[in-house]
Amino acid sequence: MIFPFVWRLLPGPAWLRVVLLLVLVAAIVAVLFQWVYPWFSVTFDIQDQNVEAVP
């Protein structure tokens, strides 16, 4: 699993590890919203969403 590996990799006591882990998660979410999702949206053209009524 990835979480135990990251937990062992982070330095310091448990409270510092929790803070660092929260900062890492926030940074990953920020990168996803800032660059990855807009790139994905433009590249795969998912802007056009149509819902058709079924008779």
PDB file of N, CA and C in Angstrom:
ATOM      1  N   MET A   1       0.835  -1.187   0.000  1.00  0.00           N
ATOM      2  CA  MET A   1       0.000   0.000   0.000  1.00  0.00           C
ATOM      3  C   MET A   1       0.876   1.245   0.000  1.00  0.00           C
ATOM      4  N   ILE A   2       0.361   2.299  -0.555  1.00  0.00           N
ATOM      5  CA  ILE A   2       1.153   3.523  -0.702  1.00  0.00           C
ATOM      6  C   ILE A   2       1.172   4.338   0.598  1.00  0.00           C
ATOM      7  N   PHE A   3       0.090   4.326   1.368  1.00  0.00           N
ATOM      8  CA  PHE A   3       0.039   5.167   2.557  1.00  0.00           C
ATOM      9  C   PHE A   3       1.100   4.806   3.592  1.00  0.00           C
ATOM     10  N   PRO A   4       1.311   3.535   3.938  1.00  0.00           N
ATOM     11  CA  PRO A   4       2.388   3.217   4.897  1.00  0.00           C
ATOM     12  C   PRO A   4       3.766   3.635   4.383  1.00  0.00           C
ATOM     13  N   PHE A   5       3.985   3.517   3.074  1.00  0.00           N
ATOM     14  CA  PHE A   5       5.264   3.943   2.510  1.00  0.00           C
ATOM     15  C   PHE A   5       5.460   5.444   2.685  1.00  0.00           C
ATOM     16  N   VAL A   6       4.436   6.219   2.395  1.00  0.00           N
ATOM     17  CA  VAL A   6       4.524   7.683   2.552  1.00  0.00           C
ATOM     18  C   VAL A   6       4.682   8.031   4.027  1.00  0.00           C
ATOM     19  N   TRP A   7       3.955   7.342   4.891  1.00  0.00           N
ATOM     20  CA  TRP A   7       4.029   7.613   6.327  1.00  0.00           C
ATOM     21  C   TRP A   7       5.446   7.380   6.853  1.00  0.00           C
ATOM     22  N   ARG A   8       6.097   6.302   6.415  1.00  0.00           N
ATOM     23  CA  ARG A   8       7.466   6.019   6.850  1.00  0.00           C
ATOM     24  C   ARG A   8       8.462   6.997   6.240  1.00  0.00           C
ATOM     25  N   LEU A   9       8.148   7.523   5.074  1.00  0.00           N
ATOM     26  CA  LEU A   9       9.054   8.427   4.375  1.00  0.00           C
ATOM     27  C   LEU A   9       9.083   9.825   5.003  1.00  0.00           C
ATOM     28  N   LEU A  10       7.975  10.243   5.599  1.00  0.00           N
ATOM     29  CA  LEU A  10       7.895  11.585   6.187  1.00  0.00           C
ATOM     30  C   LEU A  10       8.701  11.665   7.478  1.00  0.00           C
ATOM     31  N   PRO A  11       9.399  12.784   7.677  1.00  0.00           N
ATOM     32  CA  PRO A  11      10.220  12.928   8.891  1.00  0.00           C
ATOM     33  C   PRO A  11       9.413  13.465  10.072  1.00  0.00           C
ATOM     34  N   GLY A  12       9.942  13.288  11.267  1.00  0.00           N
ATOM     35  CA  GLY A  12       9.388  13.923  12.452  1.00  0.00           C
ATOM     36  C   GLY A  12       8.412  13.064  13.212  1.00  0.00           C
ATOM     37  N   PRO A  13       7.865  13.662  14.293  1.00  0.00           N
ATOM     38  CA  PRO A  13       6.880  12.943  15.116  1.00  0.00           C
ATOM     39  C   PRO A  13       5.542  12.831  14.388  1.00  0.00           C
ATOM     40  N   ALA A  14       4.604  12.112  15.003  1.00  0.00           N
ATOM     41  CA  ALA A  14       3.320  11.819  14.356  1.00  0.00           C
ATOM     42  C   ALA A  14       2.545  13.080  14.011  1.00  0.00           C
ATOM     43  N   TRP A  15       2.526  14.071  14.905  1.00  0.00           N
ATOM     44  CA  TRP A  15       1.754  15.282  14.624  1.00  0.00           C
ATOM     45  C   TRP A  15       2.323  16.033  13.426  1.00  0.00           C
ATOM     46  N   LEU A  16       3.649  16.034  13.278  1.00  0.00           N
ATOM     47  CA  LEU A  16       4.271  16.705  12.140  1.00  0.00           C
ATOM     48  C   LEU A  16       3.993  15.939  10.851  1.00  0.00           C
ATOM     49  N   ARG A  17       3.985  14.620  10.952  1.00  0.00           N
ATOM     50  CA  ARG A  17       3.670  13.805   9.783  1.00  0.00           C
ATOM     51  C   ARG A  17       2.252  14.065   9.293  1.00  0.00           C
ATOM     52  N   VAL A  18       1.320  14.217  10.232  1.00  0.00           N
ATOM     53  CA  VAL A  18      -0.067  14.510   9.866  1.00  0.00           C
ATOM     54  C   VAL A  18      -0.150  15.852   9.154  1.00  0.00           C
ATOM     55  N   VAL A  19       0.536  16.849   9.682  1.00  0.00           N
ATOM     56  CA  VAL A  19       0.533  18.177   9.053  1.00  0.00           C
ATOM     57  C   VAL A  19       1.150  18.106   7.660  1.00  0.00           C
ATOM     58  N   LEU A  20       2.275  17.434   7.531  1.00  0.00           N
ATOM     59  CA  LEU A  20       2.923  17.306   6.228  1.00  0.00           C
ATOM     60  C   LEU A  20       2.052  16.539   5.235  1.00  0.00           C
ATOM     61  N   LEU A  21       1.377  15.514   5.721  1.00  0.00           N
ATOM     62  CA  LEU A  21       0.491  14.735   4.859  1.00  0.00           C
ATOM     63  C   LEU A  21      -0.676  15.580   4.367  1.00  0.00           C
ATOM     64  N   LEU A  22      -1.234  16.410   5.241  1.00  0.00           N
ATOM     65  CA  LEU A  22      -2.322  17.305   4.828  1.00  0.00           C
ATOM     66  C   LEU A  22      -1.838  18.323   3.806  1.00  0.00           C
ATOM     67  N   VAL A  23      -0.636  18.843   4.002  1.00  0.00           N
ATOM     68  CA  VAL A  23      -0.064  19.789   3.034  1.00  0.00           C
ATOM     69  C   VAL A  23       0.168  19.103   1.691  1.00  0.00           C
ATOM     70  N   LEU A  24       0.661  17.871   1.712  1.00  0.00           N
ATOM     71  CA  LEU A  24       0.870  17.123   0.476  1.00  0.00           C
ATOM     72  C   LEU A  24      -0.436  16.872  -0.266  1.00  0.00           C
ATOM     73  N   VAL A  25      -1.470  16.474   0.459  1.00  0.00           N
ATOM     74  CA  VAL A  25      -2.768  16.230  -0.168  1.00  0.00           C
ATOM     75  C   VAL A  25      -3.326  17.522  -0.750  1.00  0.00           C
ATOM     76  N   ALA A  26      -3.211  18.626  -0.027  1.00  0.00           N
ATOM     77  CA  ALA A  26      -3.689  19.909  -0.536  1.00  0.00           C
ATOM     78  C   ALA A  26      -2.924  20.322  -1.791  1.00  0.00           C
ATOM     79  N   ALA A  27      -1.617  20.086  -1.808  1.00  0.00           N
ATOM     80  CA  ALA A  27      -0.814  20.424  -2.986  1.00  0.00           C
ATOM     81  C   ALA A  27      -1.201  19.567  -4.184  1.00  0.00           C
ATOM     82  N   ILE A  28      -1.455  18.288  -3.959  1.00  0.00           N
ATOM     83  CA  ILE A  28      -1.859  17.408  -5.056  1.00  0.00           C
ATOM     84  C   ILE A  28      -3.214  17.832  -5.610  1.00  0.00           C
ATOM     85  N   VAL A  29      -4.155  18.145  -4.744  1.00  0.00           N
ATOM     86  CA  VAL A  29      -5.471  18.604  -5.197  1.00  0.00           C
ATOM     87  C   VAL A  29      -5.351  19.913  -5.964  1.00  0.00           C
ATOM     88  N   ALA A  30      -4.517  20.829  -5.486  1.00  0.00           N
ATOM     89  CA  ALA A  30      -4.322  22.108  -6.174  1.00  0.00           C
ATOM     90  C   ALA A  30      -3.728  21.899  -7.566  1.00  0.00           C
ATOM     91  N   VAL A  31      -2.751  21.028  -7.687  1.00  0.00           N
ATOM     92  CA  VAL A  31      -2.143  20.749  -8.995  1.00  0.00           C
ATOM     93  C   VAL A  31      -3.173  20.126  -9.931  1.00  0.00           C
ATOM     94  N   LEU A  32      -3.983  19.208  -9.408  1.00  0.00           N
ATOM     95  CA  LEU A  32      -5.008  18.592 -10.248  1.00  0.00           C
ATOM     96  C   LEU A  32      -5.992  19.634 -10.775  1.00  0.00           C
ATOM     97  N   PHE A  33      -6.492  20.502  -9.903  1.00  0.00           N
ATOM     98  CA  PHE A  33      -7.461  21.496 -10.341  1.00  0.00           C
ATOM     99  C   PHE A  33      -6.843  22.585 -11.211  1.00  0.00           C
ATOM    100  N   GLN A  34      -5.588  22.924 -10.975  1.00  0.00           N
ATOM    101  CA  GLN A  34      -4.941  24.011 -11.717  1.00  0.00           C
ATOM    102  C   GLN A  34      -4.491  23.589 -13.108  1.00  0.00           C
ATOM    103  N   TRP A  35      -3.906  22.386 -13.235  1.00  0.00           N
ATOM    104  CA  TRP A  35      -3.306  22.014 -14.515  1.00  0.00           C
ATOM    105  C   TRP A  35      -3.855  20.734 -15.129  1.00  0.00           C
ATOM    106  N   VAL A  36      -4.061  19.704 -14.343  1.00  0.00           N
ATOM    107  CA  VAL A  36      -4.421  18.401 -14.915  1.00  0.00           C
ATOM    108  C   VAL A  36      -5.847  18.388 -15.438  1.00  0.00           C
ATOM    109  N   TYR A  37      -6.822  18.801 -14.653  1.00  0.00           N
ATOM    110  CA  TYR A  37      -8.207  18.759 -15.097  1.00  0.00           C
ATOM    111  C   TYR A  37      -8.469  19.682 -16.291  1.00  0.00           C
ATOM    112  N   PRO A  38      -7.966  20.918 -16.307  1.00  0.00           N
ATOM    113  CA  PRO A  38      -8.174  21.740 -17.507  1.00  0.00           C
ATOM    114  C   PRO A  38      -7.525  21.132 -18.759  1.00  0.00           C
ATOM    115  N   TRP A  39      -6.325  20.584 -18.616  1.00  0.00           N
ATOM    116  CA  TRP A  39      -5.675  19.933 -19.759  1.00  0.00           C
ATOM    117  C   TRP A  39      -6.509  18.756 -20.252  1.00  0.00           C
ATOM    118  N   PHE A  40      -6.991  17.943 -19.330  1.00  0.00           N
ATOM    119  CA  PHE A  40      -7.804  16.785 -19.688  1.00  0.00           C
ATOM    120  C   PHE A  40      -9.087  17.220 -20.387  1.00  0.00           C
ATOM    121  N   SER A  41      -9.701  18.273 -19.888  1.00  0.00           N
ATOM    122  CA  SER A  41     -10.947  18.767 -20.464  1.00  0.00           C
ATOM    123  C   SER A  41     -10.756  19.246 -21.894  1.00  0.00           C
ATOM    124  N   VAL A  42      -9.675  19.966 -22.150  1.00  0.00           N
ATOM    125  CA  VAL A  42      -9.408  20.476 -23.497  1.00  0.00           C
ATOM    126  C   VAL A  42      -8.956  19.345 -24.417  1.00  0.00           C
ATOM    127  N   THR A  43      -8.118  18.476 -23.933  1.00  0.00           N
ATOM    128  CA  THR A  43      -7.562  17.409 -24.759  1.00  0.00           C
ATOM    129  C   THR A  43      -8.620  16.410 -25.196  1.00  0.00           C
ATOM    130  N   PHE A  44      -9.523  16.037 -24.303  1.00  0.00           N
ATOM    131  CA  PHE A  44     -10.503  15.008 -24.617  1.00  0.00           C
ATOM    132  C   PHE A  44     -11.879  15.574 -24.927  1.00  0.00           C
ATOM    133  N   ASP A  45     -12.000  16.890 -24.986  1.00  0.00           N
ATOM    134  CA  ASP A  45     -13.219  17.593 -25.405  1.00  0.00           C
ATOM    135  C   ASP A  45     -14.463  17.068 -24.693  1.00  0.00           C
ATOM    136  N   ILE A  46     -14.472  17.200 -23.386  1.00  0.00           N
ATOM    137  CA  ILE A  46     -15.623  16.754 -22.621  1.00  0.00           C
ATOM    138  C   ILE A  46     -16.537  17.912 -22.253  1.00  0.00           C
ATOM    139  N   GLN A  47     -16.366  19.059 -22.890  1.00  0.00           N
ATOM    140  CA  GLN A  47     -17.194  20.219 -22.622  1.00  0.00           C
ATOM    141  C   GLN A  47     -18.605  20.053 -23.149  1.00  0.00           C
ATOM    142  N   ASP A  48     -18.758  19.355 -24.269  1.00  0.00           N
ATOM    143  CA  ASP A  48     -20.038  19.201 -24.923  1.00  0.00           C
ATOM    144  C   ASP A  48     -20.801  18.048 -24.283  1.00  0.00           C
ATOM    145  N   GLN A  49     -21.749  18.390 -23.418  1.00  0.00           N
ATOM    146  CA  GLN A  49     -22.530  17.349 -22.752  1.00  0.00           C
ATOM    147  C   GLN A  49     -23.974  17.474 -23.195  1.00  0.00           C
ATOM    148  N   ASN A  50     -24.497  16.418 -23.766  1.00  0.00           N
ATOM    149  CA  ASN A  50     -25.861  16.401 -24.242  1.00  0.00           C
ATOM    150  C   ASN A  50     -26.632  15.298 -23.547  1.00  0.00           C
ATOM    151  N   VAL A  51     -27.838  15.659 -23.170  1.00  0.00           N
ATOM    152  CA  VAL A  51     -28.743  14.665 -22.596  1.00  0.00           C
ATOM    153  C   VAL A  51     -29.982  14.660 -23.466  1.00  0.00           C
ATOM    154  N   GLU A  52     -30.266  13.508 -24.051  1.00  0.00           N
ATOM    155  CA  GLU A  52     -31.430  13.410 -24.934  1.00  0.00           C
ATOM    156  C   GLU A  52     -32.554  12.709 -24.207  1.00  0.00           C
ATOM    157  N   ALA A  53     -33.763  13.198 -24.454  1.00  0.00           N
ATOM    158  CA  ALA A  53     -34.934  12.582 -23.860  1.00  0.00           C
ATOM    159  C   ALA A  53     -35.282  11.305 -24.615  1.00  0.00           C
ATOM    160  N   VAL A  54     -35.558  10.280 -23.857  1.00  0.00           N
ATOM    161  CA  VAL A  54     -35.937   9.001 -24.463  1.00  0.00           C
ATOM    162  C   VAL A  54     -37.467   8.925 -24.485  1.00  0.00           C
ATOM    163  N   PRO A  55     -38.037   8.735 -25.685  1.00  0.00           N
ATOM    164  CA  PRO A  55     -39.520   8.692 -25.756  1.00  0.00           C
ATOM    165  C   PRO A  55     -40.116   7.445 -25.165  1.00  0.00           C
TER     166      PRO A  55
END
